[in-house]
């Protein structure tokens, strides 16, 4: 069902809640057989790049993120040319951040996002109520925002992959029995300082989590194989109690206070 992951194929974006640390746990739970693979919260794409399915459908409600995947797939050399023109300077960062991405060409817009992602504080992608990217400049020694070998390897891996700007609910119209779906939504906060769902201006609160549970249930009834990652909180253990739940510990670094950074509990839920 999948090809072996090799070399430079790895996420080309830093993403809050990225799954590289959790990959040994996640990969141990991959289904033995499945038809098509769907990832409706693609984020950094670590699971997709690791799994390397024969047929994949990646989607996200974040339009700028989806633009990145489309351009890396279809225009990687043009993207590299634009990225090579950027420079790591504080004033340059804020000048580029202030530009309206909707007024830029597709390759310029994606290069801007990758640059800001690699040079902004903690690799956050965060927008304000107006939908404007507002992450401050990050202090790094020598950030790499144009890794040509990784971008080219990812471009090859993305060849033939279906990529869409869509909500997670749309999976109900696409996935059928025998398919495999992996959900990696913005996590339920475990404390007031770890609350981070601002990938979109409307956020991803508990009502969204409840809708996701409904979708998980509906897919299960259809015979779709589903895996989901989220915080190890009482709500998750209660609402998903009829499924298989595996607790894991992962180091996270996005809490506002240093004392709260470190190993945190997460859950992997499967219906198979």
Protein backbone atom coordinates (compact mmCIF):
# COMPACT_ATOMS: atom_id res chain seq x y z
CA UNK A 1 0.00 0.00 0.00
CA UNK A 2 2.90 2.39 0.54
CA UNK A 3 6.47 2.95 -0.54
CA UNK A 4 9.39 3.26 1.85
CA UNK A 5 10.10 6.82 3.03
CA UNK A 6 13.63 7.89 2.08
CA UNK A 7 16.17 10.70 2.32
CA UNK A 8 15.10 14.31 2.12
CA UNK A 9 11.36 13.67 2.06
CA UNK A 10 10.19 15.40 5.21
CA UNK A 11 7.90 18.33 6.08
CA UNK A 12 9.00 21.55 4.37
CA UNK A 13 7.09 23.63 6.94
CA UNK A 14 7.36 23.88 10.72
CA UNK A 15 3.88 23.37 12.15
CA UNK A 16 2.47 23.60 15.66
CA UNK A 17 1.65 20.07 16.75
CA UNK A 18 3.78 18.56 13.98
CA UNK A 19 3.86 14.79 14.12
CA UNK A 20 7.55 13.96 13.59
CA UNK A 21 8.14 13.19 17.29
CA UNK A 22 5.01 11.06 17.49
CA UNK A 23 5.74 9.18 14.26
CA UNK A 24 6.93 5.92 15.89
CA UNK A 25 3.61 5.74 17.78
CA UNK A 26 1.49 6.76 14.79
CA UNK A 27 3.21 4.49 12.28
CA UNK A 28 2.76 1.50 14.59
CA UNK A 29 -1.00 2.00 14.24
CA UNK A 30 -1.24 2.28 10.45
CA UNK A 31 -3.85 -0.13 9.07
CA UNK A 32 -2.40 -3.18 7.28
CA UNK A 33 -4.60 -2.58 4.25
CA UNK A 34 -6.46 0.43 2.89
CA UNK A 35 -7.42 1.87 -0.47
CA UNK A 36 -7.02 5.65 -0.58
CA UNK A 37 -5.46 7.93 2.06
CA UNK A 38 -7.09 11.18 3.22
CA UNK A 39 -5.60 13.85 5.52
CA UNK A 40 -8.11 16.70 6.08
CA UNK A 41 -5.87 18.71 8.48
CA UNK A 42 -2.66 18.35 6.50
CA UNK A 43 -0.52 20.85 8.46
CA UNK A 44 3.14 19.92 8.05
CA UNK A 45 2.18 16.66 6.37
CA UNK A 46 4.51 14.47 8.45
CA UNK A 47 2.17 11.47 8.39
CA UNK A 48 1.60 11.71 4.63
CA UNK A 49 5.33 11.96 3.92
CA UNK A 50 6.04 9.01 6.23
CA UNK A 51 3.22 6.79 5.00
CA UNK A 52 3.80 7.53 1.29
CA UNK A 53 0.46 6.07 0.11
CA UNK A 54 -0.17 5.10 -3.49
CA UNK A 55 -3.19 7.43 -3.70
CA UNK A 56 -3.48 10.43 -1.41
CA UNK A 57 -5.95 13.28 -0.90
CA UNK A 58 -4.66 16.18 1.22
CA UNK A 59 -6.82 19.07 2.34
CA UNK A 60 -7.11 21.90 4.85
CA UNK A 61 -9.31 24.92 5.42
CA UNK A 62 -6.18 27.13 5.50
CA UNK A 63 -5.93 28.50 1.96
CA UNK A 64 -2.34 29.74 2.29
CA UNK A 65 -1.23 26.33 3.52
CA UNK A 66 -2.89 24.56 0.62
CA UNK A 67 -1.27 27.03 -1.80
CA UNK A 68 2.09 25.86 -0.40
CA UNK A 69 1.41 22.24 -1.23
CA UNK A 70 0.13 23.07 -4.71
CA UNK A 71 3.18 25.21 -5.56
CA UNK A 72 5.69 22.74 -4.12
CA UNK A 73 4.00 20.06 -6.23
CA UNK A 74 3.65 22.08 -9.47
CA UNK A 75 6.11 25.01 -9.43
CA UNK A 76 8.98 24.00 -7.18
CA UNK A 77 11.78 25.50 -9.31
CA UNK A 78 10.02 28.86 -9.55
CA UNK A 79 9.42 28.74 -5.80
CA UNK A 80 13.11 28.08 -5.12
CA UNK A 81 14.11 31.04 -7.31
CA UNK A 82 11.85 33.37 -5.30
CA UNK A 83 12.93 31.99 -1.91
CA UNK A 84 16.60 32.49 -2.74
CA UNK A 85 15.97 36.24 -3.04
CA UNK A 86 14.76 36.59 0.54
CA UNK A 87 17.10 37.56 3.39
CA UNK A 88 17.07 36.98 7.13
CA UNK A 89 16.78 40.47 8.63
CA UNK A 90 14.31 41.80 11.18
CA UNK A 91 13.16 44.84 9.19
CA UNK A 92 12.90 42.72 6.04
CA UNK A 93 10.78 40.18 7.94
CA UNK A 94 8.25 42.78 9.11
CA UNK A 95 8.14 44.46 5.71
CA UNK A 96 7.33 41.15 4.03
CA UNK A 97 4.86 40.20 6.78
CA UNK A 98 2.96 43.47 6.23
CA UNK A 99 2.35 42.74 2.54
CA UNK A 100 -1.06 41.52 1.44
CA UNK A 101 -0.52 37.97 0.14
CA UNK A 102 -3.67 38.21 -1.98
CA UNK A 103 -1.97 40.87 -4.11
CA UNK A 104 1.06 38.67 -4.79
CA UNK A 105 1.62 36.00 -7.44
CA UNK A 106 1.06 32.42 -6.29
CA UNK A 107 4.79 31.59 -6.15
CA UNK A 108 5.57 34.86 -4.32
CA UNK A 109 2.75 34.23 -1.86
CA UNK A 110 3.99 30.73 -1.05
CA UNK A 111 7.62 31.87 -0.77
CA UNK A 112 6.43 34.54 1.68
CA UNK A 113 4.65 31.96 3.82
CA UNK A 114 7.58 29.54 3.87
CA UNK A 115 10.00 32.36 4.71
CA UNK A 116 7.79 33.67 7.55
CA UNK A 117 7.25 30.13 8.81
CA UNK A 118 10.99 29.42 8.97
CA UNK A 119 12.05 32.80 10.40
CA UNK A 120 9.10 33.71 12.65
CA UNK A 121 8.90 32.95 16.36
CA UNK A 122 8.69 29.19 17.11
CA UNK A 123 7.48 28.37 13.61
CA UNK A 124 3.96 29.45 14.50
CA UNK A 125 1.25 30.05 11.94
CA UNK A 126 -1.15 32.42 13.66
CA UNK A 127 -3.61 34.99 12.36
CA UNK A 128 -5.56 37.73 14.09
CA UNK A 129 -9.32 38.37 13.94
CA UNK A 130 -8.84 40.05 10.56
CA UNK A 131 -7.10 36.97 9.20
CA UNK A 132 -3.67 38.68 9.06
CA UNK A 133 -0.51 36.75 9.94
CA UNK A 134 0.85 38.27 13.18
CA UNK A 135 3.73 36.09 14.41
CA UNK A 136 6.75 38.15 15.60
CA UNK A 137 10.28 37.84 14.25
CA UNK A 138 12.19 34.82 15.55
CA UNK A 139 15.75 34.93 16.87
CA UNK A 140 17.75 32.25 15.06
CA UNK A 141 21.44 31.92 14.23
CA UNK A 142 21.06 30.82 10.64
CA UNK A 143 17.54 29.72 9.69
CA UNK A 144 17.22 27.69 6.49
CA UNK A 145 14.19 28.93 4.57
CA UNK A 146 15.23 27.61 1.15
CA UNK A 147 16.13 23.95 1.54
CA UNK A 148 16.27 23.03 -2.13
CA UNK A 149 16.82 19.29 -1.67
CA UNK A 150 13.84 18.97 0.69
CA UNK A 151 11.57 21.07 -1.53
CA UNK A 152 12.48 19.05 -4.63
CA UNK A 153 12.06 15.73 -2.83
CA UNK A 154 8.67 16.81 -1.49
CA UNK A 155 7.66 17.96 -4.97
CA UNK A 156 8.34 14.48 -6.33
CA UNK A 157 6.43 12.89 -3.45
CA UNK A 158 3.45 15.19 -4.07
CA UNK A 159 3.27 14.36 -7.78
CA UNK A 160 -0.20 13.04 -8.57
CA UNK A 161 -1.55 13.85 -5.09
CA UNK A 162 -5.00 15.46 -4.93
CA UNK A 163 -4.77 18.73 -2.93
CA UNK A 164 -7.84 20.76 -1.93
CA UNK A 165 -8.80 23.80 0.13
CA UNK A 166 -11.72 22.30 2.03
CA UNK A 167 -13.22 21.84 5.49
CA UNK A 168 -12.80 18.56 7.33
CA UNK A 169 -16.53 17.90 7.00
CA UNK A 170 -16.12 17.49 3.24
CA UNK A 171 -14.43 14.15 3.89
CA UNK A 172 -17.91 12.66 4.33
CA UNK A 173 -18.58 13.19 0.61
CA UNK A 174 -15.27 11.69 -0.48
CA UNK A 175 -14.10 8.82 1.72
CA UNK A 176 -15.72 5.40 1.28
CA UNK A 177 -15.43 1.99 2.91
CA UNK A 178 -11.85 0.73 2.86
CA UNK A 179 -10.25 4.18 2.73
CA UNK A 180 -7.96 5.47 5.52
CA UNK A 181 -8.45 8.90 7.09
CA UNK A 182 -6.05 10.57 9.53
CA UNK A 183 -7.35 13.55 11.53
CA UNK A 184 -4.87 15.92 13.20
CA UNK A 185 -7.04 18.88 14.26
CA UNK A 186 -6.00 21.85 16.41
CA UNK A 187 -5.82 20.26 19.85
CA UNK A 188 -8.15 20.75 22.78
CA UNK A 189 -6.21 23.00 25.20
CA UNK A 190 -4.83 21.34 28.33
CA UNK A 191 -4.26 24.70 30.07
CA UNK A 192 -4.97 28.40 29.60
CA UNK A 193 -1.39 29.01 28.38
CA UNK A 194 -1.41 26.24 25.80
CA UNK A 195 -4.53 27.35 23.95
CA UNK A 196 -3.65 27.61 20.28
CA UNK A 197 -6.24 27.25 17.53
CA UNK A 198 -5.67 30.43 15.53
CA UNK A 199 -4.84 28.81 12.20
CA UNK A 200 -7.94 30.60 10.91
CA UNK A 201 -9.53 33.84 12.08
CA UNK A 202 -12.58 31.93 13.41
CA UNK A 203 -10.47 29.50 15.44
CA UNK A 204 -11.27 25.86 16.24
CA UNK A 205 -13.21 25.59 19.49
CA UNK A 206 -15.23 22.89 21.23
CA UNK A 207 -18.13 23.17 18.79
CA UNK A 208 -15.68 22.25 16.05
CA UNK A 209 -14.39 19.36 18.17
CA UNK A 210 -17.96 18.12 18.56
CA UNK A 211 -18.52 18.30 14.80
CA UNK A 212 -15.30 16.35 14.29
CA UNK A 213 -16.58 13.63 16.64
CA UNK A 214 -19.77 13.42 14.54
CA UNK A 215 -17.69 13.05 11.38
CA UNK A 216 -15.51 10.38 13.03
CA UNK A 217 -18.67 8.45 13.98
CA UNK A 218 -20.19 8.81 10.50
CA UNK A 219 -17.01 7.60 8.77
CA UNK A 220 -16.84 4.64 11.13
CA UNK A 221 -20.38 3.67 10.23
CA UNK A 222 -19.41 3.80 6.54
CA UNK A 223 -16.54 1.37 7.05
CA UNK A 224 -13.77 3.97 6.67
CA UNK A 225 -10.62 3.35 8.72
CA UNK A 226 -9.97 6.42 10.88
CA UNK A 227 -7.12 7.56 13.13
CA UNK A 228 -7.20 10.79 15.16
CA UNK A 229 -4.66 12.65 17.33
CA UNK A 230 -5.64 15.03 20.13
CA UNK A 231 -4.88 16.08 23.69
CA UNK A 232 -5.17 13.61 26.55
CA UNK A 233 -8.11 15.31 28.26
CA UNK A 234 -11.21 13.91 29.95
CA UNK A 235 -13.52 15.06 27.15
CA UNK A 236 -11.59 13.02 24.58
CA UNK A 237 -11.45 9.89 26.73
CA UNK A 238 -15.19 10.13 27.39
CA UNK A 239 -16.44 10.96 23.89
CA UNK A 240 -14.22 8.47 22.07
CA UNK A 241 -14.49 5.72 24.69
CA UNK A 242 -16.04 3.20 22.28
CA UNK A 243 -12.93 3.33 20.08
CA UNK A 244 -9.34 2.20 20.62
CA UNK A 245 -7.38 4.82 22.57
CA UNK A 246 -3.60 4.85 22.93
CA UNK A 247 -2.06 7.44 25.33
CA UNK A 248 1.40 8.75 24.41
CA UNK A 249 3.83 11.38 25.72
CA UNK A 250 5.32 14.01 23.41
CA UNK A 251 7.54 17.05 24.02
CA UNK A 252 5.81 20.28 23.04
CA UNK A 253 7.19 23.84 23.15
CA UNK A 254 4.30 26.24 22.48
CA UNK A 255 3.18 27.03 26.02
CA UNK A 256 3.54 30.70 26.96
CA UNK A 257 5.42 29.76 30.13
CA UNK A 258 8.66 27.76 30.15
CA UNK A 259 7.55 25.77 33.22
CA UNK A 260 4.70 24.27 31.20
CA UNK A 261 6.87 23.13 28.30
CA UNK A 262 7.98 19.52 28.08
CA UNK A 263 6.30 16.11 27.88
CA UNK A 264 2.54 16.33 27.45
CA UNK A 265 -0.09 13.67 27.14
CA UNK A 266 -1.71 13.00 23.79
CA UNK A 267 -4.15 10.41 22.54
CA UNK A 268 -4.21 8.38 19.35
CA UNK A 269 -7.72 7.11 18.58
CA UNK A 270 -8.47 4.43 15.98
CA UNK A 271 -11.69 2.70 14.94
CA UNK A 272 -9.95 -0.45 13.68
